[in-house]
């Protein structure tokens, strides 16, 4: 299994951060490639993209100012297979990426991703009070995994906040 390439450039509007690649994403080499993952539908319905993109087009979202990375690079079937040491290492690497590339907003695709990154126990949906890396906005959104039990409409509403934050730049 192979890690997936990050899609990064300086001054992104939004950097999306997931837990780690799924097996399917690893096989195909693209972010959010599992057919049960609703990421591409969510960001389209939230108004972040002009159309529904396919996972194979993930790198083209750089043109819209959107990038992709994960807190842990090793692909797994489920996030609960990630080891504590992997999170510790991934947290430091992610902080360096954010400091280097300076995205306007860092969107954590899953509350657990943000909690592992920030070390904070509580994290409301949306903009966090204080960013871990100064000069950016930390935004917590629900995971797009098909395993999440929130209604799709509720998830899309939270991502719409992200869309509104992103309007001016």
Protein backbone atom coordinates (compact mmCIF):
# COMPACT_ATOMS: atom_id res chain seq x y z
CA UNK A 1 0.00 0.00 0.00
CA UNK A 2 1.19 3.45 -0.90
CA UNK A 3 0.65 6.78 0.79
CA UNK A 4 -1.16 9.36 -1.32
CA UNK A 5 0.59 12.48 -2.54
CA UNK A 6 -0.30 15.70 -0.79
CA UNK A 7 -1.71 18.42 -2.99
CA UNK A 8 -0.21 21.59 -1.55
CA UNK A 9 0.84 25.06 -2.62
CA UNK A 10 1.36 28.32 -0.79
CA UNK A 11 -1.56 30.48 0.35
CA UNK A 12 -4.35 27.99 -0.29
CA UNK A 13 -7.87 29.13 0.52
CA UNK A 14 -8.56 25.82 2.25
CA UNK A 15 -6.35 22.89 3.21
CA UNK A 16 -8.47 19.79 3.85
CA UNK A 17 -6.92 17.43 6.42
CA UNK A 18 -8.14 13.85 6.82
CA UNK A 19 -7.18 11.07 9.21
CA UNK A 20 -5.30 8.94 6.67
CA UNK A 21 -5.88 7.35 3.27
CA UNK A 22 -8.32 4.49 2.92
CA UNK A 23 -7.16 1.29 1.23
CA UNK A 24 -9.17 2.29 -1.84
CA UNK A 25 -7.57 5.75 -1.93
CA UNK A 26 -4.16 4.12 -1.62
CA UNK A 27 -4.92 1.74 -4.50
CA UNK A 28 -6.11 4.58 -6.76
CA UNK A 29 -3.69 7.27 -5.55
CA UNK A 30 -6.39 9.87 -4.87
CA UNK A 31 -7.94 11.49 -1.81
CA UNK A 32 -11.46 10.44 -0.74
CA UNK A 33 -11.63 7.70 -3.40
CA UNK A 34 -13.72 5.18 -1.45
CA UNK A 35 -17.16 5.11 -3.12
CA UNK A 36 -18.76 5.21 0.36
CA UNK A 37 -17.01 8.47 1.15
CA UNK A 38 -19.26 11.48 0.53
CA UNK A 39 -16.56 14.17 0.46
CA UNK A 40 -16.97 15.21 -3.18
CA UNK A 41 -20.78 15.37 -2.89
CA UNK A 42 -20.57 17.36 0.38
CA UNK A 43 -18.22 20.05 -0.88
CA UNK A 44 -20.28 20.45 -4.05
CA UNK A 45 -23.60 20.69 -2.19
CA UNK A 46 -22.04 23.16 0.27
CA UNK A 47 -21.14 25.47 -2.63
CA UNK A 48 -17.37 25.01 -2.37
CA UNK A 49 -17.02 23.65 -5.91
CA UNK A 50 -18.88 24.60 -9.11
CA UNK A 51 -19.60 20.93 -9.88
CA UNK A 52 -19.22 17.51 -8.28
CA UNK A 53 -15.62 16.43 -8.80
CA UNK A 54 -14.37 12.86 -8.89
CA UNK A 55 -11.57 11.62 -6.63
CA UNK A 56 -9.30 11.22 -9.69
CA UNK A 57 -9.52 15.01 -10.15
CA UNK A 58 -8.33 15.81 -6.59
CA UNK A 59 -5.16 17.56 -7.77
CA UNK A 60 -7.17 19.91 -10.01
CA UNK A 61 -8.74 21.52 -6.95
CA UNK A 62 -5.43 23.31 -6.42
CA UNK A 63 -6.71 25.61 -9.18
CA UNK A 64 -9.65 26.52 -6.90
CA UNK A 65 -7.25 27.14 -4.01
CA UNK A 66 -7.97 23.85 -2.22
CA UNK A 67 -5.32 21.41 -1.05
CA UNK A 68 -5.25 17.98 0.57
CA UNK A 69 -3.19 16.17 3.18
CA UNK A 70 -3.67 13.76 6.07
CA UNK A 71 -2.46 13.70 9.65
CA UNK A 72 -1.16 10.15 9.07
CA UNK A 73 0.11 9.00 5.68
CA UNK A 74 -0.20 5.21 6.18
CA UNK A 75 -3.33 3.75 4.55
CA UNK A 76 -5.62 1.64 6.74
CA UNK A 77 -9.09 0.08 6.53
CA UNK A 78 -10.24 2.21 9.48
CA UNK A 79 -8.91 5.15 11.49
CA UNK A 80 -8.88 3.07 14.68
CA UNK A 81 -5.89 1.17 13.25
CA UNK A 82 -3.70 4.28 13.53
CA UNK A 83 -1.14 4.06 16.33
CA UNK A 84 -0.58 6.78 18.95
CA UNK A 85 3.03 7.23 17.73
CA UNK A 86 1.79 7.82 14.18
CA UNK A 87 -0.49 10.59 15.40
CA UNK A 88 2.34 12.16 17.42
CA UNK A 89 4.66 12.18 14.41
CA UNK A 90 1.89 13.25 12.02
CA UNK A 91 0.86 16.15 14.25
CA UNK A 92 4.36 17.66 14.10
CA UNK A 93 4.67 17.14 10.34
CA UNK A 94 1.25 18.72 9.79
CA UNK A 95 2.17 21.78 11.88
CA UNK A 96 5.27 22.24 9.69
CA UNK A 97 3.22 21.94 6.48
CA UNK A 98 0.70 24.50 7.71
CA UNK A 99 3.44 26.92 8.79
CA UNK A 100 5.22 26.52 5.43
CA UNK A 101 2.24 26.73 3.07
CA UNK A 102 0.13 29.21 5.11
CA UNK A 103 -3.39 28.21 4.07
CA UNK A 104 -6.12 30.70 4.98
CA UNK A 105 -8.29 27.93 6.47
CA UNK A 106 -7.34 24.45 7.65
CA UNK A 107 -10.44 22.25 7.48
CA UNK A 108 -10.21 19.11 9.57
CA UNK A 109 -12.43 16.48 7.96
CA UNK A 110 -13.54 14.85 11.19
CA UNK A 111 -13.61 16.05 14.79
CA UNK A 112 -11.21 13.25 15.77
CA UNK A 113 -8.62 14.50 13.27
CA UNK A 114 -8.65 17.90 14.92
CA UNK A 115 -8.52 16.43 18.43
CA UNK A 116 -5.48 14.34 17.51
CA UNK A 117 -3.83 17.38 15.92
CA UNK A 118 -4.62 19.95 18.60
CA UNK A 119 -4.57 17.76 21.69
CA UNK A 120 -7.83 19.43 22.73
CA UNK A 121 -10.59 17.28 24.20
CA UNK A 122 -13.47 19.49 23.06
CA UNK A 123 -13.95 20.88 19.58
CA UNK A 124 -17.22 22.40 18.40
CA UNK A 125 -18.12 22.28 14.71
CA UNK A 126 -16.83 25.23 12.74
CA UNK A 127 -14.17 27.84 13.49
CA UNK A 128 -12.06 27.11 16.56
CA UNK A 129 -11.34 29.83 19.09
CA UNK A 130 -7.60 29.69 18.54
CA UNK A 131 -5.60 28.17 15.69
CA UNK A 132 -2.79 25.78 16.57
CA UNK A 133 -0.56 27.47 13.98
CA UNK A 134 -1.02 31.26 14.22
CA UNK A 135 -2.10 33.10 11.08
CA UNK A 136 -4.62 30.53 9.89
CA UNK A 137 -8.16 29.51 10.81
CA UNK A 138 -8.80 26.02 12.22
CA UNK A 139 -12.20 24.73 11.09
CA UNK A 140 -13.67 21.45 12.32
CA UNK A 141 -16.11 19.69 10.00
CA UNK A 142 -17.73 16.27 10.23
CA UNK A 143 -16.01 13.35 8.58
CA UNK A 144 -17.28 12.58 5.11
CA UNK A 145 -17.03 8.84 5.71
CA UNK A 146 -20.12 6.81 4.96
CA UNK A 147 -19.79 5.42 8.48
CA UNK A 148 -20.73 8.78 10.03
CA UNK A 149 -24.25 8.68 11.40
CA UNK A 150 -25.09 12.37 10.86
CA UNK A 151 -27.60 13.13 8.15
CA UNK A 152 -25.95 14.35 4.94
CA UNK A 153 -27.99 17.58 5.10
CA UNK A 154 -26.57 18.37 8.56
CA UNK A 155 -23.01 17.76 7.36
CA UNK A 156 -23.54 19.96 4.29
CA UNK A 157 -24.85 22.80 6.51
CA UNK A 158 -21.58 22.78 8.49
CA UNK A 159 -19.51 22.82 5.28
CA UNK A 160 -21.64 25.76 4.05
CA UNK A 161 -20.16 27.80 6.92
CA UNK A 162 -16.77 27.01 5.45
CA UNK A 163 -18.01 28.19 2.07
CA UNK A 164 -19.16 31.49 3.61
CA UNK A 165 -15.78 32.02 5.32
CA UNK A 166 -14.11 31.43 1.99
CA UNK A 167 -16.18 33.94 -0.04
CA UNK A 168 -13.87 36.91 0.37
CA UNK A 169 -10.72 35.21 -0.75
